[in-house]
Amino acid sequence: MTAAVPAGPTPAPAADESHAQWTACANCAGTIHRSAGRCPHCGTHNRRFWWPADPKARLLLATTVVFAGMVLYRWLTNRRR
């Protein structure tokens, strides 16, 4: 099920809230709060903060994390004879 789409554009953030907590939606003209999982206007996931949208960047990040985990595992389990 998808969320109901509001009639107009997403309201602007309140004046007392930090601008860094809001980001523009990549799919529509709405704004997404940092803690929200989806855009309230179009339902797009808000992945901008920790997981890149570009497939090549995603692959590079995943490869780096796996390689770092392998190196850390080898370092922690290194037994000197």
Protein backbone atom coordinates (compact mmCIF):
# COMPACT_ATOMS: atom_id res chain seq x y z
CA MET A 1 0.00 0.00 0.00
CA THR A 2 1.18 3.50 -0.72
CA ALA A 3 0.66 6.55 1.42
CA ALA A 4 -1.97 9.08 0.46
CA VAL A 5 -0.53 11.89 -1.64
CA PRO A 6 -1.19 15.37 -0.25
CA ALA A 7 -3.06 17.79 -2.50
CA GLY A 8 -0.35 20.44 -2.64
CA PRO A 9 3.40 20.64 -2.26
CA THR A 10 4.97 19.56 1.01
CA PRO A 11 4.92 22.43 3.53
CA ALA A 12 8.18 24.21 4.24
CA PRO A 13 9.97 23.39 7.50
CA ALA A 14 9.13 25.43 10.55
CA ALA A 15 11.38 28.40 11.31
CA ASP A 16 12.63 26.91 14.59
CA GLU A 17 13.89 23.68 13.01
CA SER A 18 17.41 23.34 11.68
CA HIS A 19 17.73 23.42 7.89
CA ALA A 20 20.17 20.49 8.05
CA GLN A 21 17.31 18.24 9.16
CA TRP A 22 15.51 18.71 5.83
CA THR A 23 16.48 17.54 2.36
CA ALA A 24 14.92 17.82 -1.08
CA CYS A 25 13.26 14.72 -2.51
CA ALA A 26 15.08 13.29 -5.54
CA ASN A 27 11.79 12.36 -7.21
CA CYS A 28 9.51 15.35 -6.63
CA ALA A 29 9.67 18.92 -5.35
CA GLY A 30 8.83 17.96 -1.77
CA THR A 31 11.02 18.15 1.31
CA ILE A 32 11.84 15.15 3.48
CA HIS A 33 12.66 15.31 7.17
CA ARG A 34 15.90 13.54 8.08
CA SER A 35 14.15 11.08 10.40
CA ALA A 36 11.46 10.18 7.84
CA GLY A 37 11.84 6.96 5.90
CA ARG A 38 9.80 8.06 2.89
CA CYS A 39 8.80 11.26 1.15
CA PRO A 40 5.24 12.13 2.25
CA HIS A 41 4.48 13.46 -1.23
CA CYS A 42 5.56 10.64 -3.57
CA GLY A 43 6.65 7.79 -1.26
CA THR A 44 10.29 7.72 -2.38
CA HIS A 45 12.72 6.27 0.16
CA ASN A 46 15.04 8.75 1.84
CA ARG A 47 18.37 6.98 1.37
CA ARG A 48 20.49 10.07 0.87
CA PHE A 49 22.12 10.16 4.29
CA TRP A 50 23.84 6.81 4.59
CA TRP A 51 23.50 4.83 1.35
CA PRO A 52 24.37 6.33 -2.05
CA ALA A 53 21.79 6.19 -4.85
CA ASP A 54 24.40 5.72 -7.59
CA PRO A 55 24.92 1.97 -8.30
CA LYS A 56 28.69 2.34 -8.78
CA ALA A 57 29.04 4.21 -5.49
CA ARG A 58 26.90 1.56 -3.79
CA LEU A 59 29.14 -1.21 -5.10
CA LEU A 60 32.27 0.67 -4.03
CA LEU A 61 30.88 1.24 -0.53
CA ALA A 62 29.79 -2.38 -0.12
CA THR A 63 33.15 -3.67 -1.40
CA THR A 64 35.04 -1.36 0.95
CA VAL A 65 32.98 -2.46 3.96
CA VAL A 66 33.44 -6.16 3.15
CA PHE A 67 37.19 -5.76 2.57
CA ALA A 68 37.61 -3.78 5.80
CA GLY A 69 35.71 -6.50 7.65
CA MET A 70 37.98 -9.18 6.22
CA VAL A 71 41.11 -7.23 7.19
CA LEU A 72 39.77 -6.60 10.69
CA TYR A 73 38.90 -10.28 11.10
CA ARG A 74 42.40 -11.34 10.01
CA TRP A 75 43.96 -8.78 12.34
CA LEU A 76 41.88 -9.84 15.34
CA THR A 77 42.40 -13.56 14.77
CA ASN A 78 46.13 -13.33 14.05
CA ARG A 79 47.89 -15.84 16.29
CA ARG A 80 51.62 -15.71 16.57
CA ARG A 81 53.33 -19.06 16.81
